[in-house]
Amino acid sequence: RGVAATLPDDVDATDPDAFATVSLDGVALAVC
């Protein structure tokens, strides 16, 4: 939940290219 709260609003978790989140110390940096 904490990492998800730092994602941009346009990230759709159902998008195959946003299946996973890259984060550092709980802050999202990228999706893949």
Full PDB file with SEQRES, HELIX, SHEET, SSBOND, CRYST1, ORIGX, SCALE, CONECT and MASTER records, all heavy atoms in Angstrom:
SEQRES   1 A   32  ARG GLY VAL ALA ALA THR LEU PRO ASP ASP VAL ASP ALA          
SEQRES   2 A   32  THR ASP PRO ASP ALA PHE ALA THR VAL SER LEU ASP GLY          
SEQRES   3 A   32  VAL ALA LEU ALA VAL CYS                                      
HELIX    1 AA1 ALA A    4  THR A    6  5                                   3    
HELIX    2 AA2 PRO A   16  ALA A   18  5                                   3    
SHEET    1 AA1 2 THR A  21  LEU A  24  0                                        
SHEET    2 AA1 2 VAL A  27  VAL A  31 -1                                        
CRYST1    1.000    1.000    1.000  90.00  90.00  90.00 P 1           1          
ORIGX1      1.000000  0.000000  0.000000        0.00000                         
ORIGX2      0.000000  1.000000  0.000000        0.00000                         
ORIGX3      0.000000  0.000000  1.000000        0.00000                         
SCALE1      1.000000  0.000000  0.000000        0.00000                         
SCALE2      0.000000  1.000000  0.000000        0.00000                         
SCALE3      0.000000  0.000000  1.000000        0.00000                         
ATOM      1  N   ARG A   1       0.816  -1.214   0.000  1.00  0.00           N  
ATOM      2  CA  ARG A   1       0.000   0.000   0.000  1.00  0.00           C  
ATOM      3  C   ARG A   1       0.849   1.263   0.000  1.00  0.00           C  
ATOM      4  O   ARG A   1       0.549   2.230  -0.708  1.00  0.00           O  
ATOM      5  CB  ARG A   1      -0.936  -0.001   1.216  1.00  0.00           C  
ATOM      6  CG  ARG A   1      -2.010  -1.069   1.194  1.00  0.00           C  
ATOM      7  CD  ARG A   1      -3.027  -0.833   2.299  1.00  0.00           C  
ATOM      8  NE  ARG A   1      -2.407  -0.786   3.610  1.00  0.00           N  
ATOM      9  CZ  ARG A   1      -2.150  -1.848   4.360  1.00  0.00           C  
ATOM     10  NH1 ARG A   1      -2.459  -3.049   3.903  1.00  0.00           N  
ATOM     11  NH2 ARG A   1      -1.608  -1.733   5.561  1.00  0.00           N  
ATOM     12  N   GLY A   2       1.898   1.260   0.812  1.00  0.00           N  
ATOM     13  CA  GLY A   2       2.725   2.457   0.891  1.00  0.00           C  
ATOM     14  C   GLY A   2       3.400   2.785  -0.421  1.00  0.00           C  
ATOM     15  O   GLY A   2       3.448   3.948  -0.844  1.00  0.00           O  
ATOM     16  N   VAL A   3       3.930   1.769  -1.087  1.00  0.00           N  
ATOM     17  CA  VAL A   3       4.572   1.979  -2.389  1.00  0.00           C  
ATOM     18  C   VAL A   3       3.538   2.425  -3.413  1.00  0.00           C  
ATOM     19  O   VAL A   3       3.784   3.356  -4.206  1.00  0.00           O  
ATOM     20  CB  VAL A   3       5.286   0.695  -2.850  1.00  0.00           C  
ATOM     21  CG1 VAL A   3       5.822   0.864  -4.271  1.00  0.00           C  
ATOM     22  CG2 VAL A   3       6.419   0.327  -1.893  1.00  0.00           C  
ATOM     23  N   ALA A   4       2.371   1.788  -3.411  1.00  0.00           N  
ATOM     24  CA  ALA A   4       1.318   2.127  -4.375  1.00  0.00           C  
ATOM     25  C   ALA A   4       0.895   3.578  -4.241  1.00  0.00           C  
ATOM     26  O   ALA A   4       0.543   4.234  -5.233  1.00  0.00           O  
ATOM     27  CB  ALA A   4       0.117   1.200  -4.193  1.00  0.00           C  
ATOM     28  N   ALA A   5       0.944   4.111  -3.022  1.00  0.00           N  
ATOM     29  CA  ALA A   5       0.532   5.501  -2.798  1.00  0.00           C  
ATOM     30  C   ALA A   5       1.481   6.495  -3.441  1.00  0.00           C  
ATOM     31  O   ALA A   5       1.125   7.668  -3.618  1.00  0.00           O  
ATOM     32  CB  ALA A   5       0.434   5.773  -1.299  1.00  0.00           C  
ATOM     33  N   THR A   6       2.677   6.054  -3.815  1.00  0.00           N  
ATOM     34  CA  THR A   6       3.658   6.960  -4.444  1.00  0.00           C  
ATOM     35  C   THR A   6       3.671   6.834  -5.965  1.00  0.00           C  
ATOM     36  O   THR A   6       4.492   7.480  -6.618  1.00  0.00           O  
ATOM     37  CB  THR A   6       5.075   6.683  -3.896  1.00  0.00           C  
ATOM     38  OG1 THR A   6       5.513   5.383  -4.314  1.00  0.00           O  
ATOM     39  CG2 THR A   6       5.093   6.760  -2.372  1.00  0.00           C  
ATOM     40  N   LEU A   7       2.793   6.020  -6.521  1.00  0.00           N  
ATOM     41  CA  LEU A   7       2.714   5.863  -7.972  1.00  0.00           C  
ATOM     42  C   LEU A   7       2.011   7.055  -8.616  1.00  0.00           C  
ATOM     43  O   LEU A   7       1.096   7.635  -8.022  1.00  0.00           O  
ATOM     44  CB  LEU A   7       1.944   4.590  -8.331  1.00  0.00           C  
ATOM     45  CG  LEU A   7       2.643   3.250  -8.108  1.00  0.00           C  
ATOM     46  CD1 LEU A   7       1.641   2.106  -8.191  1.00  0.00           C  
ATOM     47  CD2 LEU A   7       3.753   3.044  -9.136  1.00  0.00           C  
ATOM     48  N   PRO A   8       2.387   7.422  -9.834  1.00  0.00           N  
ATOM     49  CA  PRO A   8       1.625   8.443 -10.562  1.00  0.00           C  
ATOM     50  C   PRO A   8       0.190   7.999 -10.778  1.00  0.00           C  
ATOM     51  O   PRO A   8      -0.113   6.805 -10.848  1.00  0.00           O  
ATOM     52  CB  PRO A   8       2.379   8.556 -11.897  1.00  0.00           C  
ATOM     53  CG  PRO A   8       3.747   8.035 -11.617  1.00  0.00           C  
ATOM     54  CD  PRO A   8       3.570   6.960 -10.586  1.00  0.00           C  
ATOM     55  N   ASP A   9      -0.702   8.976 -10.906  1.00  0.00           N  
ATOM     56  CA  ASP A   9      -2.123   8.662 -11.050  1.00  0.00           C  
ATOM     57  C   ASP A   9      -2.437   7.878 -12.316  1.00  0.00           C  
ATOM     58  O   ASP A   9      -3.448   7.182 -12.384  1.00  0.00           O  
ATOM     59  CB  ASP A   9      -2.943   9.962 -11.037  1.00  0.00           C  
ATOM     60  CG  ASP A   9      -2.927  10.644  -9.677  1.00  0.00           C  
ATOM     61  OD1 ASP A   9      -2.645   9.956  -8.667  1.00  0.00           O  
ATOM     62  OD2 ASP A   9      -3.173  11.869  -9.638  1.00  0.00           O  
ATOM     63  N   ASP A  10      -1.586   8.000 -13.341  1.00  0.00           N  
ATOM     64  CA  ASP A  10      -1.911   7.355 -14.612  1.00  0.00           C  
ATOM     65  C   ASP A  10      -1.429   5.899 -14.691  1.00  0.00           C  
ATOM     66  O   ASP A  10      -1.582   5.256 -15.739  1.00  0.00           O  
ATOM     67  CB  ASP A  10      -1.339   8.141 -15.796  1.00  0.00           C  
ATOM     68  CG  ASP A  10       0.195   8.189 -15.785  1.00  0.00           C  
ATOM     69  OD1 ASP A  10       0.807   7.798 -14.770  1.00  0.00           O  
ATOM     70  OD2 ASP A  10       0.776   8.619 -16.808  1.00  0.00           O  
ATOM     71  N   VAL A  11      -0.876   5.367 -13.615  1.00  0.00           N  
ATOM     72  CA  VAL A  11      -0.447   3.962 -13.626  1.00  0.00           C  
ATOM     73  C   VAL A  11      -1.652   3.069 -13.394  1.00  0.00           C  
ATOM     74  O   VAL A  11      -2.380   3.226 -12.414  1.00  0.00           O  
ATOM     75  CB  VAL A  11       0.627   3.694 -12.548  1.00  0.00           C  
ATOM     76  CG1 VAL A  11       0.889   2.194 -12.416  1.00  0.00           C  
ATOM     77  CG2 VAL A  11       1.914   4.419 -12.896  1.00  0.00           C  
ATOM     78  N   ASP A  12      -1.861   2.150 -14.315  1.00  0.00           N  
ATOM     79  CA  ASP A  12      -2.976   1.198 -14.247  1.00  0.00           C  
ATOM     80  C   ASP A  12      -2.407  -0.176 -13.927  1.00  0.00           C  
ATOM     81  O   ASP A  12      -1.689  -0.758 -14.743  1.00  0.00           O  
ATOM     82  CB  ASP A  12      -3.722   1.183 -15.585  1.00  0.00           C  
ATOM     83  CG  ASP A  12      -4.879   0.189 -15.605  1.00  0.00           C  
ATOM     84  OD1 ASP A  12      -5.134  -0.471 -14.579  1.00  0.00           O  
ATOM     85  OD2 ASP A  12      -5.524   0.072 -16.677  1.00  0.00           O  
ATOM     86  N   ALA A  13      -2.717  -0.697 -12.749  1.00  0.00           N  
ATOM     87  CA  ALA A  13      -2.144  -1.970 -12.315  1.00  0.00           C  
ATOM     88  C   ALA A  13      -2.574  -3.133 -13.199  1.00  0.00           C  
ATOM     89  O   ALA A  13      -1.941  -4.200 -13.160  1.00  0.00           O  
ATOM     90  CB  ALA A  13      -2.525  -2.256 -10.863  1.00  0.00           C  
ATOM     91  N   THR A  14      -3.631  -2.960 -14.000  1.00  0.00           N  
ATOM     92  CA  THR A  14      -4.063  -4.034 -14.896  1.00  0.00           C  
ATOM     93  C   THR A  14      -3.313  -4.018 -16.222  1.00  0.00           C  
ATOM     94  O   THR A  14      -3.457  -4.941 -17.024  1.00  0.00           O  
ATOM     95  CB  THR A  14      -5.576  -3.933 -15.178  1.00  0.00           C  
ATOM     96  OG1 THR A  14      -5.860  -2.725 -15.894  1.00  0.00           O  
ATOM     97  CG2 THR A  14      -6.375  -3.938 -13.870  1.00  0.00           C  
ATOM     98  N   ASP A  15      -2.518  -2.984 -16.454  1.00  0.00           N  
ATOM     99  CA  ASP A  15      -1.712  -2.889 -17.671  1.00  0.00           C  
ATOM    100  C   ASP A  15      -0.547  -3.871 -17.559  1.00  0.00           C  
ATOM    101  O   ASP A  15       0.214  -3.820 -16.589  1.00  0.00           O  
ATOM    102  CB  ASP A  15      -1.186  -1.464 -17.818  1.00  0.00           C  
ATOM    103  CG  ASP A  15      -0.330  -1.255 -19.062  1.00  0.00           C  
ATOM    104  OD1 ASP A  15      -0.029  -2.248 -19.764  1.00  0.00           O  
ATOM    105  OD2 ASP A  15       0.062  -0.094 -19.310  1.00  0.00           O  
ATOM    106  N   PRO A  16      -0.367  -4.777 -18.523  1.00  0.00           N  
ATOM    107  CA  PRO A  16       0.753  -5.726 -18.439  1.00  0.00           C  
ATOM    108  C   PRO A  16       2.105  -5.049 -18.297  1.00  0.00           C  
ATOM    109  O   PRO A  16       3.018  -5.623 -17.697  1.00  0.00           O  
ATOM    110  CB  PRO A  16       0.649  -6.493 -19.762  1.00  0.00           C  
ATOM    111  CG  PRO A  16      -0.775  -6.375 -20.172  1.00  0.00           C  
ATOM    112  CD  PRO A  16      -1.213  -5.020 -19.709  1.00  0.00           C  
ATOM    113  N   ASP A  17       2.258  -3.834 -18.820  1.00  0.00           N  
ATOM    114  CA  ASP A  17       3.526  -3.126 -18.704  1.00  0.00           C  
ATOM    115  C   ASP A  17       3.657  -2.360 -17.388  1.00  0.00           C  
ATOM    116  O   ASP A  17       4.641  -1.645 -17.184  1.00  0.00           O  
ATOM    117  CB  ASP A  17       3.726  -2.177 -19.883  1.00  0.00           C  
ATOM    118  CG  ASP A  17       4.179  -2.928 -21.143  1.00  0.00           C  
ATOM    119  OD1 ASP A  17       4.544  -4.108 -21.031  1.00  0.00           O  
ATOM    120  OD2 ASP A  17       4.158  -2.322 -22.225  1.00  0.00           O  
ATOM    121  N   ALA A  18       2.655  -2.516 -16.506  1.00  0.00           N  
ATOM    122  CA  ALA A  18       2.746  -1.954 -15.152  1.00  0.00           C  
ATOM    123  C   ALA A  18       2.521  -3.070 -14.136  1.00  0.00           C  
ATOM    124  O   ALA A  18       2.101  -2.813 -13.007  1.00  0.00           O  
ATOM    125  CB  ALA A  18       1.729  -0.838 -14.965  1.00  0.00           C  
ATOM    126  N   PHE A  19       2.833  -4.288 -14.534  1.00  0.00           N  
ATOM    127  CA  PHE A  19       2.596  -5.448 -13.667  1.00  0.00           C  
ATOM    128  C   PHE A  19       3.387  -5.342 -12.368  1.00  0.00           C  
ATOM    129  O   PHE A  19       2.908  -5.706 -11.301  1.00  0.00           O  
ATOM    130  CB  PHE A  19       3.003  -6.727 -14.406  1.00  0.00           C  
ATOM    131  CG  PHE A  19       2.841  -7.981 -13.593  1.00  0.00           C  
ATOM    132  CD1 PHE A  19       1.622  -8.631 -13.550  1.00  0.00           C  
ATOM    133  CD2 PHE A  19       3.899  -8.515 -12.881  1.00  0.00           C  
ATOM    134  CE1 PHE A  19       1.448  -9.789 -12.804  1.00  0.00           C  
ATOM    135  CE2 PHE A  19       3.750  -9.671 -12.130  1.00  0.00           C  
ATOM    136  CZ  PHE A  19       2.525 -10.312 -12.094  1.00  0.00           C  
ATOM    137  N   ALA A  20       4.618  -4.842 -12.437  1.00  0.00           N  
ATOM    138  CA  ALA A  20       5.485  -4.745 -11.267  1.00  0.00           C  
ATOM    139  C   ALA A  20       5.942  -3.308 -11.073  1.00  0.00           C  
ATOM    140  O   ALA A  20       6.002  -2.522 -12.022  1.00  0.00           O  
ATOM    141  CB  ALA A  20       6.692  -5.668 -11.409  1.00  0.00           C  
ATOM    142  N   THR A  21       6.264  -2.985  -9.831  1.00  0.00           N  
ATOM    143  CA  THR A  21       6.739  -1.653  -9.483  1.00  0.00           C  
ATOM    144  C   THR A  21       8.163  -1.742  -8.956  1.00  0.00           C  
ATOM    145  O   THR A  21       8.469  -2.584  -8.107  1.00  0.00           O  
ATOM    146  CB  THR A  21       5.844  -1.015  -8.402  1.00  0.00           C  
ATOM    147  OG1 THR A  21       4.517  -0.865  -8.916  1.00  0.00           O  
ATOM    148  CG2 THR A  21       6.374   0.354  -7.997  1.00  0.00           C  
ATOM    149  N   VAL A  22       9.021  -0.871  -9.476  1.00  0.00           N  
ATOM    150  CA  VAL A  22      10.392  -0.738  -8.980  1.00  0.00           C  
ATOM    151  C   VAL A  22      10.379   0.358  -7.923  1.00  0.00           C  
ATOM    152  O   VAL A  22       9.874   1.456  -8.175  1.00  0.00           O  
ATOM    153  CB  VAL A  22      11.364  -0.347 -10.114  1.00  0.00           C  
ATOM    154  CG1 VAL A  22      12.800  -0.326  -9.600  1.00  0.00           C  
ATOM    155  CG2 VAL A  22      11.215  -1.287 -11.302  1.00  0.00           C  
ATOM    156  N   SER A  23      10.935   0.081  -6.742  1.00  0.00           N  
ATOM    157  CA  SER A  23      10.925   1.086  -5.696  1.00  0.00           C  
ATOM    158  C   SER A  23      12.230   1.080  -4.919  1.00  0.00           C  
ATOM    159  O   SER A  23      12.947   0.078  -4.889  1.00  0.00           O  
ATOM    160  CB  SER A  23       9.748   0.863  -4.729  1.00  0.00           C  
ATOM    161  OG  SER A  23       9.866  -0.384  -4.062  1.00  0.00           O  
ATOM    162  N   LEU A  24      12.507   2.216  -4.294  1.00  0.00           N  
ATOM    163  CA  LEU A  24      13.665   2.369  -3.412  1.00  0.00           C  
ATOM    164  C   LEU A  24      13.169   2.951  -2.100  1.00  0.00           C  
ATOM    165  O   LEU A  24      12.557   4.022  -2.079  1.00  0.00           O  
ATOM    166  CB  LEU A  24      14.710   3.297  -4.045  1.00  0.00           C  
ATOM    167  CG  LEU A  24      15.895   3.697  -3.139  1.00  0.00           C  
ATOM    168  CD1 LEU A  24      16.684   2.475  -2.696  1.00  0.00           C  
ATOM    169  CD2 LEU A  24      16.801   4.696  -3.855  1.00  0.00           C  
ATOM    170  N   ASP A  25      13.391   2.204  -1.032  1.00  0.00           N  
ATOM    171  CA  ASP A  25      12.993   2.638   0.307  1.00  0.00           C  
ATOM    172  C   ASP A  25      11.511   3.011   0.356  1.00  0.00           C  
ATOM    173  O   ASP A  25      11.112   3.993   1.006  1.00  0.00           O  
ATOM    174  CB  ASP A  25      13.862   3.807   0.773  1.00  0.00           C  
ATOM    175  CG  ASP A  25      15.334   3.434   0.859  1.00  0.00           C  
ATOM    176  OD1 ASP A  25      15.632   2.229   1.028  1.00  0.00           O  
ATOM    177  OD2 ASP A  25      16.191   4.335   0.743  1.00  0.00           O  
ATOM    178  N   GLY A  26      10.692   2.242  -0.357  1.00  0.00           N  
ATOM    179  CA  GLY A  26       9.251   2.423  -0.313  1.00  0.00           C  
ATOM    180  C   GLY A  26       8.692   3.454  -1.254  1.00  0.00           C  
ATOM    181  O   GLY A  26       7.476   3.707  -1.246  1.00  0.00           O  
ATOM    182  N   VAL A  27       9.525   4.067  -2.089  1.00  0.00           N  
ATOM    183  CA  VAL A  27       9.072   5.084  -3.049  1.00  0.00           C  
ATOM    184  C   VAL A  27       9.167   4.514  -4.457  1.00  0.00           C  
ATOM    185  O   VAL A  27      10.242   4.071  -4.889  1.00  0.00           O  
ATOM    186  CB  VAL A  27       9.913   6.367  -2.941  1.00  0.00           C  
ATOM    187  CG1 VAL A  27       9.477   7.385  -4.001  1.00  0.00           C  
ATOM    188  CG2 VAL A  27       9.791   6.963  -1.554  1.00  0.00           C  
ATOM    189  N   ALA A  28       8.055   4.528  -5.172  1.00  0.00           N  
ATOM    190  CA  ALA A  28       8.016   3.982  -6.525  1.00  0.00           C  
ATOM    191  C   ALA A  28       8.842   4.824  -7.479  1.00  0.00           C  
ATOM    192  O   ALA A  28       8.761   6.062  -7.474  1.00  0.00           O  
ATOM    193  CB  ALA A  28       6.577   3.900  -7.021  1.00  0.00           C  
ATOM    194  N   LEU A  29       9.640   4.125  -8.310  1.00  0.00           N  
ATOM    195  CA  LEU A  29      10.484   4.797  -9.299  1.00  0.00           C  
ATOM    196  C   LEU A  29      10.067   4.483 -10.723  1.00  0.00           C  
ATOM    197  O   LEU A  29      10.298   5.289 -11.629  1.00  0.00           O  
ATOM    198  CB  LEU A  29      11.943   4.361  -9.125  1.00  0.00           C  
ATOM    199  CG  LEU A  29      12.585   4.553  -7.758  1.00  0.00           C  
ATOM    200  CD1 LEU A  29      13.982   3.940  -7.754  1.00  0.00           C  
ATOM    201  CD2 LEU A  29      12.644   6.022  -7.404  1.00  0.00           C  
ATOM    202  N   ALA A  30       9.496   3.297 -10.940  1.00  0.00           N  
ATOM    203  CA  ALA A  30       9.195   2.838 -12.295  1.00  0.00           C  
ATOM    204  C   ALA A  30       8.196   1.700 -12.212  1.00  0.00           C  
ATOM    205  O   ALA A  30       7.974   1.105 -11.146  1.00  0.00           O  
ATOM    206  CB  ALA A  30      10.471   2.366 -13.003  1.00  0.00           C  
ATOM    207  N   VAL A  31       7.601   1.399 -13.350  1.00  0.00           N  
ATOM    208  CA  VAL A  31       6.790   0.195 -13.489  1.00  0.00           C  
ATOM    209  C   VAL A  31       7.302  -0.576 -14.692  1.00  0.00           C  
ATOM    210  O   VAL A  31       7.937  -0.014 -15.595  1.00  0.00           O  
ATOM    211  CB  VAL A  31       5.286   0.507 -13.650  1.00  0.00           C  
ATOM    212  CG1 VAL A  31       4.687   1.023 -12.353  1.00  0.00           C  
ATOM    213  CG2 VAL A  31       5.047   1.492 -14.799  1.00  0.00           C  
ATOM    214  N   CYS A  32       7.025  -1.887 -14.700  1.00  0.00           N  
ATOM    215  CA  CYS A  32       7.529  -2.712 -15.797  1.00  0.00           C  
ATOM    216  C   CYS A  32       6.628  -3.913 -16.012  1.00  0.00           C  
ATOM    217  O   CYS A  32       5.698  -4.175 -15.235  1.00  0.00           O  
ATOM    218  CB  CYS A  32       8.971  -3.178 -15.508  1.00  0.00           C  
ATOM    219  SG  CYS A  32       9.133  -4.265 -14.083  1.00  0.00           S  
TER     220      CYS A  32                                                      
MASTER        0    0    0    2    2    0    0    6  219    1    0    3          
END                                                                             
